[in-house]
Amino acid sequence: MQHEILSSTLKKKPSKNVPLLLKYMETFNVLSHLKHNWKSGLTVALVSIPLSISLAVASQATPIAGIITAVWAGLVASIFGGSNFNIIGPTGALSGFLATYAITHGACNLPMLAIVTGLFILIAYKLKLERYIAYVPMSVVHGFTLGVALIIILNQLNFALGITNIPLHEKFIQNVYESCAHVSHFSGDTVLIFTLFLAALFIFLRLNLPSIIIAAPFGILVGYLAHHGTIPLHLATLATKFGEIKSQLIQPLTLCFDTSLVLTGIAVASVAILETLISANIADHMTKTRYNERKEMLGLGLANCVAGLCGGIPATAALARTALNVRSGATHKIAQGISSVAIAGISLLFLRYFSYLPLAVIAANLVFIAVRMIEHEHFVHLWHNERKNFWLALLVASICIFEDPIAGIFLGTAFSLLMQRYQR
């Protein structure tokens, strides 16, 4: 009815009323989108806060860097992106790259890596290179995902077992060996909390309950009670590792550049583009819609640049949070903007309480995420139908673990091309 009135008014007095009526229609559309998307935005925000903290820790960054990334990358993507459903932020897919880079070059350089990643994505956008990234073999993608998931799981050994004060090495696999060598120094309290929370996360999942949303406040409560001696548990918390967590949405940026940023930036940009396009396609399949690929590339590039400038880490689309956004009833990309604003507001008010979150609960969250990243049905399909690609996927996963994820994805693609050439 309102649109009919507007149409008739436009026909009668077009020159005088067009700007005013167009402004009214834009306001009406925004209010309509807010009405239909605030619930999904708030739901995603409640899940994103503990996940962003956990994934930042997995990337060897600080908890606040994860929050900053979720806020600014998500907000920029919601304005400039081309998908109505993608949720951009810290992800497990990038954590392997970032952890390796942080160990060798320092976590303080991760914001600069985010900026470089964003610039490479913008270059790819300008040159329309996303159409070629789509040709990366899915067996390589599955192998990379498996490798990253295993890296996340193995990286949690110290947090899950309560092992502290051991030497840190540049190579991921050397750190795994170091953790295994000190496994006898485990903490019974830590193992108990890790096991209970990991089991609870999977039970909640089976019951269709919001696992992470429920687990986070319970974890904070357990950490708080243990810290004040109310329960007889000795648990390391986020405050133990990072000190007091201050609520801030921007932190100082260390501007530095070295050649290592180039290769790592290209690799992170490639994975970010690939993950984002896959996530957008999956969301479109769920909603029977079609996203704007070009705009999504632009939004992703700008999101990484702004996140880095604000002190965050590289970001990409998060498959699980995107699916949650769809299932929660999102209809427009304003849902991601609402989520980012909600994350900012909740963090400014309550982030200091996350200081009590036990590292064992962080480990349980990350193992839960990693296990869900592994799509076993794809490996079953490859085993029965494409045996060579099955072994290629395992090779890529092995290279990711024993060398690094950058080598895994590039060497895997090269091996795939060679296999295709010799098959001809």
Protein backbone atom coordinates (compact mmCIF):
# COMPACT_ATOMS: atom_id res chain seq x y z
CA MET A 1 0.00 0.00 0.00
CA GLN A 2 2.80 2.41 0.92
CA HIS A 3 4.65 1.67 -2.33
CA GLU A 4 1.45 2.28 -4.37
CA ILE A 5 1.01 5.71 -2.74
CA LEU A 6 4.64 6.55 -3.44
CA SER A 7 4.31 5.50 -7.09
CA SER A 8 1.21 7.65 -7.66
CA THR A 9 2.88 10.62 -5.97
CA LEU A 10 5.96 10.25 -8.18
CA LYS A 11 3.78 10.33 -11.29
CA LYS A 12 1.99 13.51 -10.20
CA LYS A 13 4.97 15.61 -9.02
CA PRO A 14 8.20 13.92 -10.08
CA SER A 15 10.60 16.84 -10.15
CA LYS A 16 9.77 18.20 -6.70
CA ASN A 17 9.18 15.04 -4.70
CA VAL A 18 11.62 12.49 -6.12
CA PRO A 19 14.60 13.22 -3.77
CA LEU A 20 12.39 13.36 -0.68
CA LEU A 21 10.47 10.20 -1.57
CA LEU A 22 13.59 8.27 -2.49
CA LYS A 23 15.08 9.18 0.88
CA TYR A 24 11.88 8.04 2.58
CA MET A 25 11.94 4.74 0.69
CA GLU A 26 15.58 4.14 1.67
CA THR A 27 14.74 4.81 5.33
CA PHE A 28 11.73 2.51 5.09
CA ASN A 29 13.88 -0.27 3.59
CA VAL A 30 16.55 0.10 6.27
CA LEU A 31 13.95 -0.08 9.05
CA SER A 32 12.38 -3.11 7.39
CA HIS A 33 15.77 -4.86 7.15
CA LEU A 34 16.52 -4.02 10.78
CA LYS A 35 13.19 -5.50 11.84
CA HIS A 36 13.83 -8.77 10.00
CA ASN A 37 17.55 -9.17 10.79
CA TRP A 38 18.19 -7.99 14.36
CA LYS A 39 17.57 -11.44 15.86
CA SER A 40 19.99 -13.22 13.52
CA GLY A 41 22.58 -10.46 14.01
CA LEU A 42 22.38 -10.73 17.80
CA THR A 43 22.51 -14.54 17.70
CA VAL A 44 25.64 -14.50 15.53
CA ALA A 45 27.22 -11.90 17.82
CA LEU A 46 26.75 -14.08 20.91
CA VAL A 47 28.46 -16.97 19.13
CA SER A 48 31.15 -14.79 17.55
CA ILE A 49 32.53 -13.31 20.78
CA PRO A 50 33.87 -16.54 22.35
CA LEU A 51 34.81 -17.91 18.91
CA SER A 52 36.72 -14.76 17.94
CA ILE A 53 38.63 -14.86 21.21
CA SER A 54 39.39 -18.57 20.82
CA LEU A 55 40.48 -18.27 17.17
CA ALA A 56 42.68 -15.28 17.92
CA VAL A 57 44.41 -17.30 20.64
CA ALA A 58 44.78 -20.19 18.16
CA SER A 59 46.45 -17.73 15.78
CA GLN A 60 48.93 -16.74 18.52
CA ALA A 61 47.28 -13.30 18.74
CA THR A 62 45.66 -11.61 21.74
CA PRO A 63 41.97 -12.08 22.58
CA ILE A 64 41.24 -8.41 21.87
CA ALA A 65 42.69 -8.78 18.35
CA GLY A 66 39.97 -11.35 17.62
CA ILE A 67 37.23 -9.01 18.86
CA ILE A 68 38.62 -6.09 16.83
CA THR A 69 38.66 -8.27 13.72
CA ALA A 70 35.08 -9.46 14.23
CA VAL A 71 33.86 -5.88 14.73
CA TRP A 72 35.66 -4.00 11.96
CA ALA A 73 35.98 -6.70 9.31
CA GLY A 74 32.32 -7.61 9.76
CA LEU A 75 31.15 -4.00 9.69
CA VAL A 76 33.09 -3.09 6.54
CA ALA A 77 32.00 -6.29 4.77
CA SER A 78 28.37 -5.56 5.64
CA ILE A 79 28.66 -2.18 3.89
CA PHE A 80 30.71 -3.08 0.82
CA GLY A 81 30.21 -6.86 0.47
CA GLY A 82 28.02 -8.64 -2.06
CA SER A 83 26.58 -11.49 0.02
CA ASN A 84 23.52 -11.06 2.19
CA PHE A 85 24.56 -13.90 4.49
CA ASN A 86 28.36 -14.21 4.77
CA ILE A 87 29.84 -13.49 8.21
CA ILE A 88 33.41 -12.18 7.95
CA GLY A 89 35.80 -12.51 10.89
CA PRO A 90 38.56 -14.67 12.43
CA THR A 91 38.38 -18.27 11.21
CA GLY A 92 40.01 -21.64 11.72
CA ALA A 93 40.92 -21.80 8.03
CA LEU A 94 43.46 -19.00 8.50
CA SER A 95 44.66 -19.85 12.00
CA GLY A 96 47.34 -22.29 10.78
CA PHE A 97 48.94 -19.64 8.57
CA LEU A 98 48.70 -16.99 11.24
CA ALA A 99 50.07 -19.15 14.06
CA THR A 100 53.06 -20.16 11.94
CA TYR A 101 53.73 -16.57 10.93
CA ALA A 102 53.29 -15.25 14.48
CA ILE A 103 55.74 -17.78 15.92
CA THR A 104 58.42 -16.95 13.36
CA HIS A 105 57.87 -13.18 12.99
CA GLY A 106 55.93 -12.12 16.07
CA ALA A 107 52.23 -11.69 16.76
CA CYS A 108 52.66 -7.90 16.63
CA ASN A 109 53.08 -8.23 12.85
CA LEU A 110 49.67 -9.90 12.30
CA PRO A 111 47.83 -6.56 11.80
CA MET A 112 50.34 -5.65 9.08
CA LEU A 113 49.74 -9.07 7.52
CA ALA A 114 46.00 -8.29 7.52
CA ILE A 115 46.64 -5.05 5.62
CA VAL A 116 48.90 -6.80 3.08
CA THR A 117 46.32 -9.57 2.70
CA GLY A 118 43.63 -6.97 2.05
CA LEU A 119 45.78 -5.24 -0.57
CA PHE A 120 46.40 -8.53 -2.40
CA ILE A 121 42.66 -9.26 -2.34
CA LEU A 122 41.99 -5.81 -3.81
CA ILE A 123 44.58 -6.46 -6.52
CA ALA A 124 42.89 -9.78 -7.26
CA TYR A 125 39.55 -7.91 -7.37
CA LYS A 126 40.93 -5.35 -9.82
CA LEU A 127 42.38 -8.06 -12.07
CA LYS A 128 39.32 -10.31 -11.65
CA LEU A 129 41.52 -13.17 -10.48
CA GLU A 130 38.79 -14.77 -8.36
CA ARG A 131 37.64 -16.69 -11.44
CA TYR A 132 40.99 -18.52 -11.49
CA ILE A 133 41.08 -19.26 -7.75
CA ALA A 134 37.84 -21.15 -8.26
CA TYR A 135 39.88 -23.74 -10.21
CA VAL A 136 41.88 -24.83 -7.15
CA PRO A 137 41.06 -28.59 -6.93
CA MET A 138 38.57 -29.48 -4.20
CA SER A 139 40.79 -32.37 -3.12
CA VAL A 140 43.47 -29.79 -2.29
CA VAL A 141 40.90 -27.70 -0.39
CA HIS A 142 39.75 -30.77 1.58
CA GLY A 143 43.35 -31.70 2.36
CA PHE A 144 44.15 -28.17 3.44
CA THR A 145 41.07 -28.07 5.67
CA LEU A 146 42.04 -31.40 7.25
CA GLY A 147 45.59 -30.18 7.81
CA VAL A 148 44.45 -26.93 9.41
CA ALA A 149 41.96 -28.79 11.62
CA LEU A 150 44.69 -31.14 12.86
CA ILE A 151 47.01 -28.19 13.46
CA ILE A 152 44.32 -26.51 15.58
CA ILE A 153 43.76 -29.73 17.57
CA LEU A 154 47.45 -30.43 18.15
CA ASN A 155 48.06 -26.79 19.05
CA GLN A 156 45.72 -27.24 22.02
CA LEU A 157 47.85 -29.89 23.74
CA ASN A 158 49.36 -27.40 26.19
CA PHE A 159 46.04 -25.75 27.05
CA ALA A 160 44.17 -29.07 27.28
CA LEU A 161 46.80 -30.74 29.48
CA GLY A 162 47.85 -27.71 31.50
CA ILE A 163 51.48 -27.88 30.35
CA THR A 164 53.38 -24.63 30.93
CA ASN A 165 56.86 -23.13 30.65
CA ILE A 166 58.18 -25.24 27.80
CA PRO A 167 60.42 -24.01 24.95
CA LEU A 168 58.72 -22.58 21.82
CA HIS A 169 60.07 -23.50 18.37
CA GLU A 170 59.59 -21.97 14.93
CA LYS A 171 58.25 -25.17 13.37
CA PHE A 172 54.79 -26.31 14.41
CA ILE A 173 55.71 -30.00 14.46
CA GLN A 174 58.66 -29.28 16.78
CA ASN A 175 56.26 -27.68 19.24
CA VAL A 176 54.07 -30.79 19.08
CA TYR A 177 57.09 -32.97 19.87
CA GLU A 178 57.98 -30.64 22.77
CA SER A 179 54.46 -30.91 24.19
CA CYS A 180 54.52 -34.72 23.90
CA ALA A 181 57.89 -34.81 25.65
CA HIS A 182 56.38 -32.94 28.64
CA VAL A 183 53.04 -34.77 28.70
CA SER A 184 53.88 -36.26 32.12
CA HIS A 185 53.64 -32.73 33.56
CA PHE A 186 49.91 -32.53 32.89
CA SER A 187 47.40 -30.98 35.30
CA GLY A 188 44.54 -33.23 36.39
CA ASP A 189 42.25 -30.23 37.00
CA THR A 190 42.88 -28.88 33.51
CA VAL A 191 42.30 -32.23 31.81
CA LEU A 192 39.05 -32.67 33.75
CA ILE A 193 37.66 -29.26 32.68
CA PHE A 194 38.79 -29.73 29.08
CA THR A 195 37.14 -33.17 28.86
CA LEU A 196 33.88 -32.06 30.51
CA PHE A 197 33.47 -28.97 28.32
CA LEU A 198 34.41 -30.76 25.09
CA ALA A 199 31.87 -33.49 25.84
CA ALA A 200 29.25 -30.86 26.74
CA LEU A 201 29.81 -29.02 23.43
CA PHE A 202 29.09 -32.15 21.40
CA ILE A 203 26.10 -33.07 23.59
CA PHE A 204 24.63 -29.59 23.14
CA LEU A 205 25.20 -29.91 19.40
CA ARG A 206 23.26 -33.19 19.29
CA LEU A 207 20.43 -31.53 21.22
CA ASN A 208 20.38 -28.60 18.75
CA LEU A 209 21.39 -26.17 21.48
CA PRO A 210 23.77 -23.21 20.90
CA SER A 211 26.90 -24.95 22.20
CA ILE A 212 29.36 -22.05 22.31
CA ILE A 213 26.83 -19.58 23.73
CA ILE A 214 26.08 -21.93 26.64
CA ALA A 215 29.66 -23.07 27.26
CA ALA A 216 31.29 -19.61 27.44
CA PRO A 217 29.44 -18.20 30.48
CA PHE A 218 29.74 -21.52 32.33
CA GLY A 219 33.47 -21.51 31.59
CA ILE A 220 33.81 -17.96 32.91
CA LEU A 221 31.89 -18.97 36.06
CA VAL A 222 34.16 -21.97 36.65
CA GLY A 223 37.26 -19.81 36.14
CA TYR A 224 35.93 -17.13 38.47
CA LEU A 225 35.11 -19.64 41.24
CA ALA A 226 38.51 -21.34 40.84
CA HIS A 227 40.33 -17.98 40.90
CA HIS A 228 38.65 -16.99 44.18
CA GLY A 229 39.14 -20.44 45.78
CA THR A 230 35.44 -21.26 45.91
CA ILE A 231 36.05 -24.57 44.13
CA PRO A 232 39.25 -26.63 44.61
CA LEU A 233 40.58 -26.30 41.06
CA HIS A 234 43.83 -24.78 39.82
CA LEU A 235 43.19 -23.48 36.30
CA ALA A 236 45.14 -21.21 33.97
CA THR A 237 42.90 -18.53 32.45
CA LEU A 238 43.13 -15.89 29.72
CA ALA A 239 44.30 -13.46 32.40
CA THR A 240 47.10 -15.88 33.31
CA LYS A 241 48.42 -15.79 29.73
CA PHE A 242 47.52 -12.28 28.53
CA GLY A 243 46.98 -10.28 31.70
CA GLU A 244 43.92 -8.09 32.13
CA ILE A 245 41.77 -7.97 29.00
CA LYS A 246 40.79 -4.35 28.38
CA SER A 247 37.71 -3.48 26.34
CA GLN A 248 38.96 -1.62 23.26
CA LEU A 249 38.00 -1.56 19.60
CA ILE A 250 41.27 -0.12 18.27
CA GLN A 251 44.81 -0.89 19.39
CA PRO A 252 48.16 0.57 18.30
CA LEU A 253 49.51 -0.66 14.96
CA THR A 254 53.17 -1.56 14.46
CA LEU A 255 54.05 -0.49 10.92
CA CYS A 256 56.78 -2.72 9.54
CA PHE A 257 57.40 -4.52 6.29
CA ASP A 258 59.61 -7.40 5.25
CA THR A 259 59.65 -9.79 2.31
CA SER A 260 58.02 -12.59 4.33
CA LEU A 261 54.78 -10.61 4.25
CA VAL A 262 54.55 -11.00 0.47
CA LEU A 263 54.44 -14.78 0.19
CA THR A 264 52.35 -15.19 3.35
CA GLY A 265 50.01 -12.40 2.27
CA ILE A 266 49.44 -14.03 -1.12
CA ALA A 267 48.73 -17.40 0.52
CA VAL A 268 46.39 -15.94 3.14
CA ALA A 269 44.60 -13.85 0.49
CA SER A 270 44.13 -16.93 -1.71
CA VAL A 271 42.61 -18.96 1.13
CA ALA A 272 40.49 -16.01 2.28
CA ILE A 273 39.04 -15.54 -1.22
CA LEU A 274 38.44 -19.26 -1.65
CA GLU A 275 36.75 -19.67 1.74
CA THR A 276 34.63 -16.56 1.25
CA LEU A 277 33.38 -17.58 -2.20
CA ILE A 278 32.65 -21.13 -1.03
CA SER A 279 30.77 -19.81 2.01
CA ALA A 280 28.72 -17.39 -0.12
CA ASN A 281 27.85 -20.20 -2.55
CA ILE A 282 26.74 -22.47 0.28
CA ALA A 283 24.59 -19.67 1.74
CA ASP A 284 23.02 -19.05 -1.68
CA HIS A 285 22.27 -22.76 -2.00
CA MET A 286 20.54 -22.69 1.40
CA THR A 287 18.48 -19.58 0.58
CA LYS A 288 17.95 -19.96 -3.20
CA THR A 289 19.53 -16.54 -3.79
CA ARG A 290 22.54 -15.25 -5.70
CA TYR A 291 25.33 -13.09 -4.30
CA ASN A 292 27.41 -10.46 -6.12
CA GLU A 293 30.87 -12.03 -6.47
CA ARG A 294 32.62 -8.81 -7.46
CA LYS A 295 31.23 -6.81 -4.55
CA GLU A 296 32.04 -9.62 -2.12
CA MET A 297 35.69 -9.54 -3.27
CA LEU A 298 35.80 -5.75 -2.78
CA GLY A 299 34.21 -6.04 0.67
CA LEU A 300 36.63 -8.77 1.75
CA GLY A 301 39.68 -6.76 0.66
CA LEU A 302 38.52 -3.59 2.41
CA ALA A 303 37.51 -5.59 5.51
CA ASN A 304 41.04 -6.96 5.92
CA CYS A 305 42.66 -3.56 5.37
CA VAL A 306 40.46 -1.86 7.97
CA ALA A 307 40.78 -4.74 10.46
CA GLY A 308 44.57 -4.54 10.17
CA LEU A 309 44.63 -0.76 10.57
CA CYS A 310 42.57 -1.14 13.76
CA GLY A 311 44.94 -3.79 15.17
CA GLY A 312 43.11 -6.94 14.10
CA ILE A 313 44.18 -10.07 12.22
CA PRO A 314 43.36 -11.37 8.71
CA ALA A 315 39.72 -12.37 8.23
CA THR A 316 37.60 -14.41 5.89
CA ALA A 317 34.06 -15.78 5.75
CA ALA A 318 33.20 -18.21 8.54
CA LEU A 319 31.18 -21.15 7.21
CA ALA A 320 29.59 -22.15 10.52
CA ARG A 321 28.64 -18.58 11.51
CA THR A 322 27.30 -17.92 8.01
CA ALA A 323 25.11 -21.03 8.23
CA LEU A 324 23.93 -19.92 11.70
CA ASN A 325 23.09 -16.50 10.24
CA VAL A 326 20.92 -18.16 7.57
CA ARG A 327 19.23 -20.52 10.05
CA SER A 328 18.52 -17.59 12.38
CA GLY A 329 16.41 -15.92 9.70
CA ALA A 330 18.75 -13.36 8.12
CA THR A 331 17.49 -11.80 4.89
CA HIS A 332 19.98 -8.98 4.27
CA LYS A 333 23.65 -8.19 4.84
CA ILE A 334 22.59 -5.68 7.49
CA ALA A 335 22.50 -8.74 9.79
CA GLN A 336 26.30 -8.80 9.68
CA GLY A 337 26.41 -5.11 10.51
CA ILE A 338 24.07 -5.64 13.45
CA SER A 339 26.27 -8.51 14.61
CA SER A 340 29.41 -6.34 14.49
CA VAL A 341 27.75 -3.51 16.42
CA ALA A 342 26.42 -6.00 18.99
CA ILE A 343 29.89 -7.55 19.40
CA ALA A 344 31.31 -4.08 19.98
CA GLY A 345 28.65 -3.17 22.54
CA ILE A 346 28.77 -6.46 24.45
CA SER A 347 32.58 -6.45 24.46
CA LEU A 348 32.82 -2.91 25.81
CA LEU A 349 30.49 -3.86 28.66
CA PHE A 350 31.48 -7.43 29.51
CA LEU A 351 34.81 -8.35 27.88
CA ARG A 352 36.74 -7.94 31.14
CA TYR A 353 34.88 -10.96 32.53
CA PHE A 354 36.39 -13.14 29.81
CA SER A 355 39.69 -12.80 31.69
CA TYR A 356 38.36 -15.63 33.90
CA LEU A 357 37.79 -17.98 30.94
CA PRO A 358 40.01 -21.06 31.53
CA LEU A 359 42.49 -21.94 28.78
CA ALA A 360 41.13 -25.50 29.01
CA VAL A 361 37.72 -24.19 27.88
CA ILE A 362 39.41 -22.27 25.04
CA ALA A 363 41.05 -25.56 24.02
CA ALA A 364 37.71 -27.38 24.15
CA ASN A 365 36.12 -24.69 21.93
CA LEU A 366 38.93 -24.93 19.38
CA VAL A 367 38.96 -28.74 19.26
CA PHE A 368 35.18 -28.63 18.82
CA ILE A 369 35.56 -26.18 15.93
CA ALA A 370 38.37 -28.20 14.34
CA VAL A 371 36.49 -31.50 14.47
CA ARG A 372 33.50 -29.85 12.80
CA MET A 373 35.78 -28.43 10.10
CA ILE A 374 36.63 -31.95 8.91
CA GLU A 375 34.01 -33.02 6.39
CA HIS A 376 34.46 -36.78 6.57
CA GLU A 377 31.84 -37.46 3.90
CA HIS A 378 34.12 -35.86 1.29
CA PHE A 379 36.96 -38.20 2.23
CA VAL A 380 34.61 -41.19 2.08
CA HIS A 381 33.55 -40.08 -1.40
CA LEU A 382 37.16 -39.62 -2.52
CA TRP A 383 38.13 -43.06 -1.17
CA HIS A 384 35.37 -44.81 -3.09
CA ASN A 385 35.41 -42.76 -6.28
CA GLU A 386 38.66 -40.81 -6.65
CA ARG A 387 41.40 -42.76 -4.90
CA LYS A 388 44.26 -40.65 -6.31
CA ASN A 389 42.64 -37.45 -5.09
CA PHE A 390 42.11 -39.07 -1.68
CA TRP A 391 45.86 -39.63 -1.35
CA LEU A 392 46.52 -36.13 -2.70
CA ALA A 393 44.30 -34.68 0.04
CA LEU A 394 46.21 -36.62 2.70
CA LEU A 395 49.51 -35.45 1.18
CA VAL A 396 48.36 -31.83 1.37
CA ALA A 397 47.30 -32.31 5.00
CA SER A 398 50.68 -33.88 5.83
CA ILE A 399 52.61 -31.01 4.20
CA CYS A 400 50.49 -28.51 6.16
CA ILE A 401 51.37 -30.24 9.43
CA PHE A 402 55.04 -31.13 8.87
CA GLU A 403 56.02 -28.04 6.84
CA ASP A 404 53.40 -25.28 6.83
CA PRO A 405 49.95 -24.54 5.34
CA ILE A 406 51.42 -22.24 2.68
CA ALA A 407 53.54 -25.04 1.24
CA GLY A 408 50.59 -27.42 1.56
CA ILE A 409 48.19 -25.45 -0.60
CA PHE A 410 50.74 -24.44 -3.26
CA LEU A 411 52.45 -27.83 -3.56
CA GLY A 412 49.08 -29.57 -3.50
CA THR A 413 47.84 -27.48 -6.42
CA ALA A 414 51.08 -28.15 -8.33
CA PHE A 415 50.80 -31.92 -7.73
CA SER A 416 47.18 -31.84 -8.86
CA LEU A 417 48.11 -30.12 -12.12
CA LEU A 418 50.86 -32.67 -12.74
CA MET A 419 48.45 -35.54 -12.09
CA GLN A 420 45.96 -34.11 -14.55
CA ARG A 421 48.68 -33.65 -17.19
CA TYR A 422 49.92 -37.26 -16.93
CA GLN A 423 46.38 -38.61 -16.94
CA ARG A 424 45.89 -37.10 -20.38
